[in-house]
Amino acid sequence: MAFPGTAPNGQPYSDKSKITAGLLQIFLGYLGIGRFYTGHIGMAVAQLLTMGGCGIWSLIDGILFLTSNDRTDKQGRVLRG
């Protein structure tokens, strides 16, 4: 059972927002900005070098950030809604 302020996995929620991450990823994902925001530096650099997979990877990633409830930050904490 999760306590208030904790994610279903028992960890505290991240201080990062999934809405902010999703919108950054949709609009600036070709620069990896959404991934830099969540602390996933390696993936952000890969998106930067491939221009977000020619825009397709960044668009799909942004949509998944907005619709998924299990996206995490660098420390493995679930992003806030």
C-alpha atoms as a PDB file:
ATOM      1  CA  MET A   1       0.000   0.000   0.000  1.00  0.00           C
ATOM      2  CA  ALA A   2       1.414   3.386  -0.998  1.00  0.00           C
ATOM      3  CA  PHE A   3       1.373   6.230   1.482  1.00  0.00           C
ATOM      4  CA  PRO A   4       0.424   9.786   0.468  1.00  0.00           C
ATOM      5  CA  GLY A   5       3.319  11.406  -1.351  1.00  0.00           C
ATOM      6  CA  THR A   6       4.767   8.093  -2.449  1.00  0.00           C
ATOM      7  CA  ALA A   7       4.529   6.334  -5.773  1.00  0.00           C
ATOM      8  CA  PRO A   8       2.975   2.857  -6.067  1.00  0.00           C
ATOM      9  CA  ASN A   9       6.495   1.363  -5.853  1.00  0.00           C
ATOM     10  CA  GLY A  10       6.892   2.924  -2.376  1.00  0.00           C
ATOM     11  CA  GLN A  11       9.452   5.552  -3.383  1.00  0.00           C
ATOM     12  CA  PRO A  12       8.748   9.272  -3.062  1.00  0.00           C
ATOM     13  CA  TYR A  13       7.620  11.045  -6.191  1.00  0.00           C
ATOM     14  CA  SER A  14      10.166  12.947  -8.234  1.00  0.00           C
ATOM     15  CA  ASP A  15      10.338  16.720  -8.067  1.00  0.00           C
ATOM     16  CA  LYS A  16      10.070  16.663 -11.891  1.00  0.00           C
ATOM     17  CA  SER A  17       6.717  16.837 -13.693  1.00  0.00           C
ATOM     18  CA  LYS A  18       5.688  14.364 -16.389  1.00  0.00           C
ATOM     19  CA  ILE A  19       3.680  17.132 -18.122  1.00  0.00           C
ATOM     20  CA  THR A  20       6.721  19.398 -18.315  1.00  0.00           C
ATOM     21  CA  ALA A  21       8.904  16.522 -19.505  1.00  0.00           C
ATOM     22  CA  GLY A  22       6.346  15.501 -22.141  1.00  0.00           C
ATOM     23  CA  LEU A  23       5.887  19.001 -23.526  1.00  0.00           C
ATOM     24  CA  LEU A  24       9.635  19.646 -23.590  1.00  0.00           C
ATOM     25  CA  GLN A  25      10.102  16.349 -25.382  1.00  0.00           C
ATOM     26  CA  ILE A  26       7.403  17.065 -27.977  1.00  0.00           C
ATOM     27  CA  PHE A  27       8.537  20.605 -28.784  1.00  0.00           C
ATOM     28  CA  LEU A  28      12.309  20.410 -28.130  1.00  0.00           C
ATOM     29  CA  GLY A  29      12.906  16.656 -28.221  1.00  0.00           C
ATOM     30  CA  TYR A  30      15.137  16.919 -31.263  1.00  0.00           C
ATOM     31  CA  LEU A  31      17.603  18.534 -28.830  1.00  0.00           C
ATOM     32  CA  GLY A  32      16.935  15.932 -26.096  1.00  0.00           C
ATOM     33  CA  ILE A  33      15.643  18.625 -23.731  1.00  0.00           C
ATOM     34  CA  GLY A  34      12.955  16.432 -22.128  1.00  0.00           C
ATOM     35  CA  ARG A  35      15.549  13.788 -21.288  1.00  0.00           C
ATOM     36  CA  PHE A  36      18.015  16.361 -19.971  1.00  0.00           C
ATOM     37  CA  TYR A  37      15.168  17.637 -17.752  1.00  0.00           C
ATOM     38  CA  THR A  38      14.618  14.190 -16.219  1.00  0.00           C
ATOM     39  CA  GLY A  39      18.355  13.575 -15.809  1.00  0.00           C
ATOM     40  CA  HIS A  40      18.769  10.868 -18.457  1.00  0.00           C
ATOM     41  CA  ILE A  41      21.897  12.424 -19.964  1.00  0.00           C
ATOM     42  CA  GLY A  42      22.979   9.485 -22.147  1.00  0.00           C
ATOM     43  CA  MET A  43      19.613   9.222 -23.851  1.00  0.00           C
ATOM     44  CA  ALA A  44      19.446  13.011 -24.201  1.00  0.00           C
ATOM     45  CA  VAL A  45      22.794  13.082 -26.008  1.00  0.00           C
ATOM     46  CA  ALA A  46      21.623  10.258 -28.300  1.00  0.00           C
ATOM     47  CA  GLN A  47      18.506  12.252 -29.154  1.00  0.00           C
ATOM     48  CA  LEU A  48      20.599  15.355 -29.718  1.00  0.00           C
ATOM     49  CA  LEU A  49      22.945  13.532 -32.100  1.00  0.00           C
ATOM     50  CA  THR A  50      20.085  11.923 -34.076  1.00  0.00           C
ATOM     51  CA  MET A  51      17.849  15.011 -33.946  1.00  0.00           C
ATOM     52  CA  GLY A  52      15.336  13.048 -31.886  1.00  0.00           C
ATOM     53  CA  GLY A  53      15.366  10.139 -34.311  1.00  0.00           C
ATOM     54  CA  CYS A  54      14.410  12.571 -37.086  1.00  0.00           C
ATOM     55  CA  GLY A  55      11.595  13.795 -34.858  1.00  0.00           C
ATOM     56  CA  ILE A  56       9.812  10.448 -34.606  1.00  0.00           C
ATOM     57  CA  TRP A  57      11.582   9.214 -31.473  1.00  0.00           C
ATOM     58  CA  SER A  58      11.099  12.510 -29.663  1.00  0.00           C
ATOM     59  CA  LEU A  59       7.397  12.728 -30.574  1.00  0.00           C
ATOM     60  CA  ILE A  60       6.651   9.189 -29.400  1.00  0.00           C
ATOM     61  CA  ASP A  61       8.744   9.721 -26.279  1.00  0.00           C
ATOM     62  CA  GLY A  62       6.845  12.934 -25.475  1.00  0.00           C
ATOM     63  CA  ILE A  63       3.484  11.230 -25.879  1.00  0.00           C
ATOM     64  CA  LEU A  64       4.616   8.396 -23.624  1.00  0.00           C
ATOM     65  CA  PHE A  65       5.727  10.890 -20.976  1.00  0.00           C
ATOM     66  CA  LEU A  66       2.255  12.459 -21.018  1.00  0.00           C
ATOM     67  CA  THR A  67       0.231   9.234 -21.009  1.00  0.00           C
ATOM     68  CA  SER A  68       2.334   6.843 -18.926  1.00  0.00           C
ATOM     69  CA  ASN A  69       2.279   6.738 -15.145  1.00  0.00           C
ATOM     70  CA  ASP A  70       5.550   4.865 -14.699  1.00  0.00           C
ATOM     71  CA  ARG A  71       8.127   7.225 -16.247  1.00  0.00           C
ATOM     72  CA  THR A  72      10.996   7.941 -13.885  1.00  0.00           C
ATOM     73  CA  ASP A  73      13.751  10.459 -13.305  1.00  0.00           C
ATOM     74  CA  LYS A  74      17.467   9.668 -13.017  1.00  0.00           C
ATOM     75  CA  GLN A  75      17.056   8.402  -9.433  1.00  0.00           C
ATOM     76  CA  GLY A  76      14.250   6.012 -10.433  1.00  0.00           C
ATOM     77  CA  ARG A  77      11.498   8.081  -8.796  1.00  0.00           C
ATOM     78  CA  VAL A  78       8.161   8.264 -10.627  1.00  0.00           C
ATOM     79  CA  LEU A  79       7.459  11.653 -12.227  1.00  0.00           C
ATOM     80  CA  ARG A  80       4.669  13.767 -10.717  1.00  0.00           C
ATOM     81  CA  GLY A  81       1.371  14.031 -12.590  1.00  0.00           C
END
